[in-house]
Amino acid sequence: MNVIFEIIGDPDAPETGVQSNFEVPPTDMGEVVTVGELRQWFPYVGHYHFRAKTPWAGSHIWMDLTEDTSPVPVWDGEEGGYSTAVIRVLPLDYGDDAYGASMGGEDAEVYTMEMVDFSTPAPSGRAGVEMLRRPSSSEDDGLVGDDVMGAIKRQSATAMAEATRAAEQLREQANAALNSEAAQDIRRKTAQGAKAGMSMLKMAWKAAKKGVEDLQTQVSTGGGRPRPPSPMECAALATLAHDFQHGAGDADKAAARANPMLLDLWSLLVAGEPFRVEGQAWKKLGFVNPRPMEDLKASGVLGLRTMLHFAAVYPAKIQLILKEQAPRTDRHYPLAIVANNITLMVAEVLRLRFAGFADLEICGWGIFNVEGEAAAFEVFAEVVCLLIRLLDARWKRTGATRRRFGELIAGLRRDFESLMQEDPLDLQDLLHLAMDRQLMY
């Protein structure tokens, strides 16, 4: 069941008006989703009252959901099959353990940013949730499942031949364009006009130089138009989906793999204190829970890996942000929570949850036309780091407060989707597009 929700309540609360959706994984045909299951899979910590939009006499009513054993009313679709529910959510409390003390006062910690969640967390407890599981070292079927590898093997020879011919034609056309009289005439014009004209020709030449192997998928599927990811891109995305789902909703499950990464993060960012898996010192890095994996449980270990990448690759930038955002006031943000929300937003755009990327038709999949888990993660992490730096710049330039956090995250999502619409050939192409748009900081 797909659940579309809106948070209602205090008009001054930053989470009021937030709209998103999540999925309750498929059940056996004939079963219905209960209010108890809805409560279990709702992505936020705390206590909430739910109301469901229910058809009634040619219109609708909002039905209060009070009994955990009652079925969730279906707004669109059929009970027992794939369906959609529309609900309103009234926060009752967020729980002291997860969200700390009162928000009041100048020294209050900025906890509510965690509430802006663009993902669909997958808590444990239902069989068959992990649809893409990376095998252990004792298994011999590679990093991805047989379904992905089988799709790669089933690429037809005809498509390969067509891609080869099309790529060669593109190469010949680019060569002819670069040496044509028109190109020479452009170069003789003003510096600005020449630069613009040659930029277009160089883009064509760049595409041709990538060769037959890199262009096969783009040509055969009509590159530049929305399309599903190729088998190679699916394989790269599957490794990210594994990290995204590993331990999602269960901090203890993620601990065995997460603890060494927590030690590395501590070593990079916390000086002069012995490492602790739990402790108040984690709040210095922008966590709100003394157990950091509790704050990252919606993103599995992918959120932690991404923040570790940010600390390792951009040490000066992350230290500056931590110093500037150290005061816990309404005008300062907790870095770890912000980084995790951006990770969740990018993962949502790419549909990493439940392997939703496999049939998602968008532009830009070429940035994941890479081999290996490390290369796929680098692409994802660099996108998140780009957006973290962009949010920090906008936060300071506009004098933002935590009440505008949802607005800023929504703006970052539009920027990322707009970059993907340009159908970048690879990560570097995407970063160049961001630079051209003055999105690089």
Protein backbone atom coordinates (compact mmCIF):
# COMPACT_ATOMS: atom_id res chain seq x y z
CA MET A 1 0.00 0.00 0.00
CA ASN A 2 1.19 3.49 -0.87
CA VAL A 3 0.37 5.91 1.97
CA ILE A 4 0.21 9.64 1.18
CA PHE A 5 0.25 11.77 4.31
CA GLU A 6 0.17 15.38 5.51
CA ILE A 7 1.20 16.49 9.00
CA ILE A 8 -1.35 18.81 10.62
CA GLY A 9 -1.47 20.64 13.93
CA ASP A 10 0.10 23.79 15.38
CA PRO A 11 0.47 26.27 12.47
CA ASP A 12 3.72 27.58 14.00
CA ALA A 13 5.33 24.13 14.20
CA PRO A 14 7.97 23.61 11.47
CA GLU A 15 6.68 20.15 10.59
CA THR A 16 3.08 21.29 10.02
CA GLY A 17 2.18 21.09 6.36
CA VAL A 18 4.93 18.60 5.49
CA GLN A 19 3.63 16.19 2.84
CA SER A 20 5.28 12.98 1.74
CA ASN A 21 4.54 9.32 1.25
CA PHE A 22 5.81 5.90 2.25
CA GLU A 23 5.01 2.31 1.41
CA VAL A 24 3.81 -0.57 3.47
CA PRO A 25 5.44 -3.58 1.73
CA PRO A 26 3.23 -5.98 -0.20
CA THR A 27 1.21 -8.48 1.83
CA ASP A 28 -0.30 -11.74 0.66
CA MET A 29 -3.17 -11.18 -1.75
CA GLY A 30 -6.41 -10.88 0.15
CA GLU A 31 -4.84 -9.35 3.26
CA VAL A 32 -5.53 -5.76 4.28
CA VAL A 33 -3.24 -3.26 5.99
CA THR A 34 -4.23 -2.60 9.59
CA VAL A 35 -3.89 0.59 11.62
CA GLY A 36 -1.27 -1.19 13.72
CA GLU A 37 0.83 -1.88 10.62
CA LEU A 38 0.39 1.72 9.51
CA ARG A 39 1.69 2.84 12.90
CA GLN A 40 4.65 0.43 12.66
CA TRP A 41 5.73 1.61 9.20
CA PHE A 42 5.13 5.34 9.73
CA PRO A 43 8.60 6.88 9.20
CA TYR A 44 8.74 9.22 12.23
CA VAL A 45 9.39 8.51 15.90
CA GLY A 46 6.71 9.54 18.39
CA HIS A 47 3.01 9.23 19.04
CA TYR A 48 0.48 10.29 16.42
CA HIS A 49 -3.24 10.29 15.75
CA PHE A 50 -4.25 9.25 12.23
CA ARG A 51 -7.29 10.19 10.12
CA ALA A 52 -7.96 8.52 6.77
CA LYS A 53 -9.74 9.99 3.74
CA THR A 54 -12.68 7.68 3.12
CA PRO A 55 -15.22 7.65 0.25
CA TRP A 56 -18.70 8.57 1.48
CA ALA A 57 -21.94 9.31 -0.41
CA GLY A 58 -20.24 10.57 -3.55
CA SER A 59 -17.76 12.66 -1.57
CA HIS A 60 -15.49 11.79 1.37
CA ILE A 61 -15.08 12.02 5.13
CA TRP A 62 -12.00 11.92 7.40
CA MET A 63 -12.26 8.84 9.59
CA ASP A 64 -10.40 8.66 12.92
CA LEU A 65 -8.23 5.52 13.16
CA THR A 66 -8.23 4.43 16.79
CA GLU A 67 -8.17 0.62 16.76
CA ASP A 68 -4.88 -1.04 15.74
CA THR A 69 -6.75 -4.11 14.46
CA SER A 70 -9.00 -2.12 12.12
CA PRO A 71 -8.19 -1.99 8.38
CA VAL A 72 -6.85 1.24 6.90
CA PRO A 73 -9.51 2.66 4.52
CA VAL A 74 -8.46 2.53 0.88
CA TRP A 75 -8.85 5.74 -1.13
CA ASP A 76 -7.68 4.38 -4.49
CA GLY A 77 -7.27 0.77 -5.60
CA GLU A 78 -8.59 -2.43 -4.07
CA GLU A 79 -8.31 -3.93 -0.62
CA GLY A 80 -6.01 -6.92 -0.69
CA GLY A 81 -4.17 -5.58 -3.76
CA TYR A 82 -1.91 -2.62 -4.39
CA SER A 83 -3.75 0.47 -3.20
CA THR A 84 -3.36 4.02 -1.93
CA ALA A 85 -4.41 5.49 1.38
CA VAL A 86 -4.56 9.24 2.09
CA ILE A 87 -4.11 10.22 5.75
CA ARG A 88 -3.69 13.24 7.98
CA VAL A 89 -1.29 12.94 10.89
CA LEU A 90 -1.62 14.87 14.15
CA PRO A 91 1.57 14.74 16.31
CA LEU A 92 0.81 14.07 19.98
CA ASP A 93 4.41 13.94 21.20
CA TYR A 94 7.81 13.03 19.79
CA GLY A 95 9.18 11.11 22.75
CA ASP A 96 11.81 12.55 25.11
CA ASP A 97 14.42 9.89 24.31
CA ALA A 98 14.55 10.70 20.62
CA TYR A 99 13.99 14.42 20.69
CA GLY A 100 15.36 15.69 23.98
CA ALA A 101 14.06 18.59 26.00
CA SER A 102 11.73 21.47 25.22
CA MET A 103 12.26 23.50 22.07
CA GLY A 104 11.81 26.73 24.01
CA GLY A 105 14.55 29.18 24.84
CA GLU A 106 17.57 30.49 23.00
CA ASP A 107 19.69 27.46 23.92
CA ALA A 108 17.13 24.93 22.73
CA GLU A 109 18.54 22.25 20.43
CA VAL A 110 17.35 22.18 16.84
CA TYR A 111 15.61 18.81 16.88
CA THR A 112 12.66 19.31 14.58
CA MET A 113 14.75 19.19 11.41
CA GLU A 114 14.70 15.42 11.67
CA MET A 115 11.01 15.57 10.89
CA VAL A 116 11.61 16.55 7.25
CA ASP A 117 11.94 13.06 5.77
CA PHE A 118 11.80 12.41 2.03
CA SER A 119 12.36 8.64 2.33
CA THR A 120 10.24 5.60 3.02
CA PRO A 121 11.93 3.89 5.99
CA ALA A 122 11.66 0.14 6.18
CA PRO A 123 11.51 -1.09 9.80
CA SER A 124 12.13 -4.75 10.45
CA GLY A 125 9.43 -7.25 11.14
CA ARG A 126 7.95 -8.22 7.75
CA ALA A 127 9.38 -11.06 5.70
CA GLY A 128 10.71 -10.34 2.24
CA VAL A 129 11.48 -6.64 2.75
CA GLU A 130 15.12 -6.75 1.65
CA MET A 131 14.57 -7.14 -2.08
CA LEU A 132 18.19 -6.52 -3.00
CA ARG A 133 20.54 -8.18 -0.50
CA ARG A 134 24.29 -8.27 -1.09
CA PRO A 135 25.56 -11.84 -0.57
CA SER A 136 28.06 -12.64 2.16
CA SER A 137 31.59 -13.74 1.31
CA SER A 138 30.48 -17.36 1.34
CA GLU A 139 28.11 -16.80 -1.55
CA ASP A 140 29.36 -16.76 -5.11
CA ASP A 141 26.75 -14.87 -7.09
CA GLY A 142 28.37 -11.40 -6.99
CA LEU A 143 27.28 -8.08 -5.58
CA VAL A 144 23.82 -8.12 -7.17
CA GLY A 145 21.05 -10.65 -7.59
CA ASP A 146 20.53 -13.08 -10.41
CA ASP A 147 17.77 -10.87 -11.77
CA VAL A 148 20.18 -8.02 -12.56
CA MET A 149 22.92 -10.26 -13.92
CA GLY A 150 20.41 -12.12 -16.04
CA ALA A 151 19.19 -8.83 -17.49
CA ILE A 152 22.76 -7.93 -18.44
CA LYS A 153 23.25 -11.26 -20.21
CA ARG A 154 20.00 -10.87 -22.12
CA GLN A 155 21.09 -7.73 -24.02
CA SER A 156 20.60 -8.53 -27.67
CA ALA A 157 23.33 -8.54 -30.31
CA THR A 158 21.06 -6.50 -32.58
CA ALA A 159 20.90 -3.60 -30.08
CA MET A 160 24.69 -3.72 -29.71
CA ALA A 161 25.18 -3.50 -33.48
CA GLU A 162 22.74 -0.61 -33.81
CA ALA A 163 24.46 1.23 -30.97
CA THR A 164 27.84 0.73 -32.66
CA ARG A 165 26.63 2.12 -35.98
CA ALA A 166 24.90 5.09 -34.34
CA ALA A 167 27.95 5.93 -32.24
CA GLU A 168 30.24 5.79 -35.28
CA GLN A 169 27.87 8.09 -37.17
CA LEU A 170 27.92 10.51 -34.26
CA ARG A 171 31.73 10.42 -34.21
CA GLU A 172 31.88 11.16 -37.95
CA GLN A 173 29.35 13.98 -37.67
CA ALA A 174 31.26 15.54 -34.76
CA ASN A 175 34.53 15.40 -36.73
CA ALA A 176 32.86 17.00 -39.75
CA ALA A 177 31.30 19.69 -37.58
CA LEU A 178 34.59 20.57 -35.88
CA ASN A 179 36.33 21.01 -39.24
CA SER A 180 33.52 22.62 -41.20
CA GLU A 181 33.52 26.14 -42.64
CA ALA A 182 30.67 26.98 -40.29
CA ALA A 183 32.84 26.13 -37.30
CA GLN A 184 35.69 28.23 -38.67
CA ASP A 185 33.28 31.11 -39.23
CA ILE A 186 32.05 30.83 -35.64
CA ARG A 187 35.63 31.03 -34.39
CA ARG A 188 36.10 34.25 -36.32
CA LYS A 189 33.16 35.94 -34.65
CA THR A 190 33.21 37.75 -31.32
CA ALA A 191 34.78 35.97 -28.36
CA GLN A 192 31.45 35.43 -26.67
CA GLY A 193 29.74 34.00 -29.76
CA ALA A 194 32.71 31.81 -30.60
CA LYS A 195 32.82 30.45 -27.09
CA ALA A 196 29.14 29.53 -27.15
CA GLY A 197 29.35 27.89 -30.58
CA MET A 198 32.47 25.90 -29.84
CA SER A 199 31.03 24.78 -26.53
CA MET A 200 28.21 23.05 -28.43
CA LEU A 201 30.64 21.41 -30.83
CA LYS A 202 32.88 20.26 -28.00
CA MET A 203 29.92 18.66 -26.25
CA ALA A 204 29.21 16.62 -29.41
CA TRP A 205 32.87 15.65 -29.66
CA LYS A 206 32.94 14.70 -25.99
CA ALA A 207 29.97 12.40 -26.51
CA ALA A 208 31.63 10.79 -29.54
CA LYS A 209 34.92 10.28 -27.69
CA LYS A 210 33.22 8.27 -25.00
CA GLY A 211 33.12 5.51 -27.60
CA VAL A 212 30.80 2.71 -28.46
CA GLU A 213 30.84 1.01 -25.08
CA ASP A 214 29.65 4.04 -23.10
CA LEU A 215 27.11 5.13 -25.73
CA GLN A 216 25.42 1.78 -26.37
CA THR A 217 22.74 2.27 -23.75
CA GLN A 218 22.11 5.95 -24.52
CA VAL A 219 21.77 5.38 -28.27
CA SER A 220 19.63 2.24 -28.06
CA THR A 221 17.22 3.87 -25.61
CA GLY A 222 17.17 7.33 -27.14
CA GLY A 223 19.66 9.22 -24.92
CA GLY A 224 18.41 12.59 -23.71
CA ARG A 225 14.89 11.30 -23.09
CA PRO A 226 13.55 9.82 -19.86
CA ARG A 227 14.35 6.11 -19.70
CA PRO A 228 14.79 3.34 -17.12
CA PRO A 229 18.35 2.56 -16.00
CA SER A 230 20.42 0.14 -18.06
CA PRO A 231 21.50 -3.22 -16.57
CA MET A 232 24.93 -1.78 -15.67
CA GLU A 233 23.30 1.23 -14.00
CA CYS A 234 20.86 -1.08 -12.18
CA ALA A 235 23.80 -3.04 -10.85
CA ALA A 236 25.40 0.15 -9.48
CA LEU A 237 22.12 1.33 -7.96
CA ALA A 238 21.55 -2.09 -6.37
CA THR A 239 24.71 -1.67 -4.27
CA LEU A 240 23.39 1.66 -2.98
CA ALA A 241 19.97 0.12 -2.28
CA HIS A 242 21.69 -2.56 -0.20
CA ASP A 243 23.38 0.05 2.01
CA PHE A 244 20.17 2.08 2.18
CA GLN A 245 18.16 -0.90 3.42
CA HIS A 246 20.88 -2.46 5.60
CA GLY A 247 19.72 -1.86 9.17
CA ALA A 248 17.06 0.65 8.12
CA GLY A 249 14.65 1.01 11.03
CA ASP A 250 16.90 -1.15 13.26
CA ALA A 251 19.94 0.57 14.78
CA ASP A 252 21.12 -2.64 16.45
CA LYS A 253 21.16 -4.52 13.14
CA ALA A 254 23.30 -1.82 11.57
CA ALA A 255 25.70 -1.56 14.52
CA ALA A 256 28.13 -4.33 13.50
CA ARG A 257 28.92 -2.62 10.21
CA ALA A 258 28.40 0.93 11.44
CA ASN A 259 30.68 0.92 14.50
CA PRO A 260 33.98 0.90 12.54
CA MET A 261 32.67 3.79 10.43
CA LEU A 262 31.62 5.66 13.58
CA LEU A 263 35.18 5.24 14.88
CA ASP A 264 36.57 6.68 11.63
CA LEU A 265 34.15 9.62 11.78
CA TRP A 266 35.06 10.27 15.42
CA SER A 267 38.77 10.19 14.60
CA LEU A 268 38.31 12.76 11.83
CA LEU A 269 36.07 15.19 13.70
CA VAL A 270 36.41 14.77 17.47
CA ALA A 271 39.78 15.69 18.93
CA GLY A 272 41.07 14.90 22.40
CA GLU A 273 38.29 12.55 23.53
CA PRO A 274 38.30 8.74 23.65
CA PHE A 275 35.92 7.09 21.23
CA ARG A 276 32.48 6.10 22.50
CA VAL A 277 29.75 4.41 20.50
CA GLU A 278 27.24 6.28 22.67
CA GLY A 279 27.58 9.63 24.38
CA GLN A 280 26.66 13.30 24.44
CA ALA A 281 29.78 14.17 22.41
CA TRP A 282 27.98 13.02 19.24
CA LYS A 283 25.77 16.13 19.53
CA LYS A 284 28.84 18.23 18.66
CA LEU A 285 28.61 16.70 15.19
CA GLY A 286 24.94 17.56 14.80
CA PHE A 287 23.32 14.37 16.06
CA VAL A 288 20.38 14.74 18.43
CA ASN A 289 20.60 11.28 19.97
CA PRO A 290 23.56 10.00 22.02
CA ARG A 291 23.28 6.84 19.90
CA PRO A 292 24.05 8.28 16.44
CA MET A 293 22.64 5.33 14.50
CA GLU A 294 19.22 6.07 16.00
CA ASP A 295 19.26 9.36 14.10
CA LEU A 296 20.36 7.60 10.89
CA LYS A 297 18.08 4.57 11.10
CA ALA A 298 15.89 5.73 8.20
CA SER A 299 18.87 5.58 5.80
CA GLY A 300 20.55 2.37 6.97
CA VAL A 301 24.33 2.68 6.76
CA LEU A 302 24.20 4.79 3.59
CA GLY A 303 23.67 8.01 5.56
CA LEU A 304 26.66 7.29 7.80
CA ARG A 305 28.90 6.37 4.85
CA THR A 306 27.95 9.61 3.11
CA MET A 307 28.79 11.78 6.13
CA LEU A 308 32.08 9.94 6.55
CA HIS A 309 32.85 10.65 2.88
CA PHE A 310 32.11 14.35 3.45
CA ALA A 311 34.47 14.44 6.45
CA ALA A 312 37.26 12.60 4.62
CA VAL A 313 37.09 14.42 1.27
CA TYR A 314 36.15 17.92 2.47
CA PRO A 315 37.76 18.18 5.96
CA ALA A 316 38.16 21.98 5.98
CA LYS A 317 34.55 22.56 4.89
CA ILE A 318 32.99 20.22 7.44
CA GLN A 319 35.08 21.65 10.29
CA LEU A 320 34.02 25.17 9.30
CA ILE A 321 30.34 24.17 9.24
CA LEU A 322 30.61 22.46 12.65
CA LYS A 323 32.25 25.57 14.11
CA GLU A 324 29.70 27.98 12.62
CA GLN A 325 26.70 25.83 13.56
CA ALA A 326 27.88 24.93 17.08
CA PRO A 327 25.42 27.26 18.89
CA ARG A 328 22.13 25.47 19.46
CA THR A 329 19.69 28.18 18.50
CA ASP A 330 16.88 28.62 16.02
CA ARG A 331 19.34 30.09 13.51
CA HIS A 332 21.74 27.15 13.57
CA TYR A 333 21.30 23.64 12.19
CA PRO A 334 22.59 20.22 13.33
CA LEU A 335 24.89 19.05 10.52
CA ALA A 336 24.41 15.28 10.90
CA ILE A 337 20.61 15.57 10.79
CA VAL A 338 20.79 17.89 7.77
CA ALA A 339 23.22 15.58 5.93
CA ASN A 340 20.96 12.61 6.62
CA ASN A 341 17.85 14.45 5.37
CA ILE A 342 19.67 15.30 2.13
CA THR A 343 20.76 11.65 1.80
CA LEU A 344 17.13 10.58 2.21
CA MET A 345 15.97 13.14 -0.35
CA VAL A 346 18.48 12.00 -3.00
CA ALA A 347 17.61 8.36 -2.29
CA GLU A 348 13.94 9.20 -2.75
CA VAL A 349 14.55 10.89 -6.11
CA LEU A 350 16.49 7.80 -7.25
CA ARG A 351 13.88 5.41 -5.73
CA LEU A 352 16.43 3.30 -3.87
CA ARG A 353 13.79 1.91 -1.49
CA PHE A 354 12.39 -1.47 -2.60
CA ALA A 355 14.39 -1.30 -5.88
CA GLY A 356 11.98 1.28 -7.24
CA PHE A 357 14.69 2.54 -9.60
CA ALA A 358 14.41 -0.51 -11.87
CA ASP A 359 11.43 0.85 -13.87
CA LEU A 360 11.81 4.57 -13.08
CA GLU A 361 12.06 6.56 -16.32
CA ILE A 362 14.07 9.76 -15.81
CA CYS A 363 17.04 11.50 -17.41
CA GLY A 364 20.49 11.38 -15.86
CA TRP A 365 20.97 7.68 -15.18
CA GLY A 366 24.28 7.95 -17.05
CA ILE A 367 26.01 9.22 -13.91
CA PHE A 368 25.65 5.67 -12.55
CA ASN A 369 27.07 4.01 -15.66
CA VAL A 370 30.02 2.85 -13.56
CA GLU A 371 31.45 -0.50 -12.48
CA GLY A 372 31.74 -1.59 -8.88
CA GLU A 373 30.29 -0.65 -5.53
CA ALA A 374 33.00 1.93 -4.73
CA ALA A 375 32.43 3.88 -7.94
CA ALA A 376 28.64 3.86 -7.46
CA PHE A 377 28.97 5.10 -3.89
CA GLU A 378 31.36 7.89 -4.92
CA VAL A 379 28.79 9.22 -7.40
CA PHE A 380 26.02 9.19 -4.78
CA ALA A 381 28.20 10.69 -2.04
CA GLU A 382 29.49 13.51 -4.26
CA VAL A 383 25.92 14.47 -5.18
CA VAL A 384 24.99 14.63 -1.47
CA CYS A 385 28.15 16.63 -0.63
CA LEU A 386 27.33 19.11 -3.41
CA LEU A 387 23.85 19.64 -1.93
CA ILE A 388 25.14 19.95 1.67
CA ARG A 389 27.48 22.73 0.63
CA LEU A 390 24.71 24.41 -1.35
CA LEU A 391 22.30 24.31 1.60
CA ASP A 392 24.97 25.74 3.93
CA ALA A 393 25.59 28.64 1.53
CA ARG A 394 21.87 29.41 1.20
CA TRP A 395 21.31 29.09 4.95
CA LYS A 396 23.94 31.73 5.67
CA ARG A 397 23.08 33.99 2.74
CA THR A 398 19.37 34.16 3.61
CA GLY A 399 19.74 34.15 7.40
CA ALA A 400 17.46 31.11 7.52
CA THR A 401 15.96 29.57 10.65
CA ARG A 402 14.83 26.03 11.29
CA ARG A 403 11.29 27.00 10.24
CA ARG A 404 12.56 27.32 6.65
CA PHE A 405 14.36 23.98 6.62
CA GLY A 406 11.63 22.19 4.67
CA GLU A 407 11.60 25.00 2.10
CA LEU A 408 15.38 24.77 1.65
CA ILE A 409 15.31 20.98 1.27
CA ALA A 410 12.53 21.29 -1.32
CA GLY A 411 14.68 23.79 -3.22
CA LEU A 412 17.64 21.39 -3.19
CA ARG A 413 15.42 18.66 -4.59
CA ARG A 414 14.34 20.91 -7.46
CA ASP A 415 17.99 21.76 -8.17
CA PHE A 416 19.03 18.09 -8.24
CA GLU A 417 16.11 17.04 -10.44
CA SER A 418 16.85 19.95 -12.79
CA LEU A 419 20.50 18.85 -13.11
CA MET A 420 19.37 15.29 -13.87
CA GLN A 421 16.99 16.63 -16.55
CA GLU A 422 20.08 17.86 -18.41
CA ASP A 423 21.01 14.16 -18.80
CA PRO A 424 24.67 14.46 -17.71
CA LEU A 425 26.99 11.85 -19.21
CA ASP A 426 28.80 11.15 -15.93
CA LEU A 427 29.54 12.62 -12.50
CA GLN A 428 32.01 15.18 -13.83
CA ASP A 429 29.49 16.35 -16.39
CA LEU A 430 26.91 16.84 -13.61
CA LEU A 431 29.41 18.82 -11.51
CA HIS A 432 30.25 21.01 -14.51
CA LEU A 433 26.53 21.69 -15.01
CA ALA A 434 26.27 22.64 -11.33
CA MET A 435 29.22 24.99 -11.72
CA ASP A 436 27.65 26.63 -14.77
CA ARG A 437 24.51 27.26 -12.70
CA GLN A 438 26.55 28.64 -9.79
CA LEU A 439 25.51 25.79 -7.51
CA MET A 440 29.08 24.85 -6.52
CA TYR A 441 30.40 26.05 -3.14
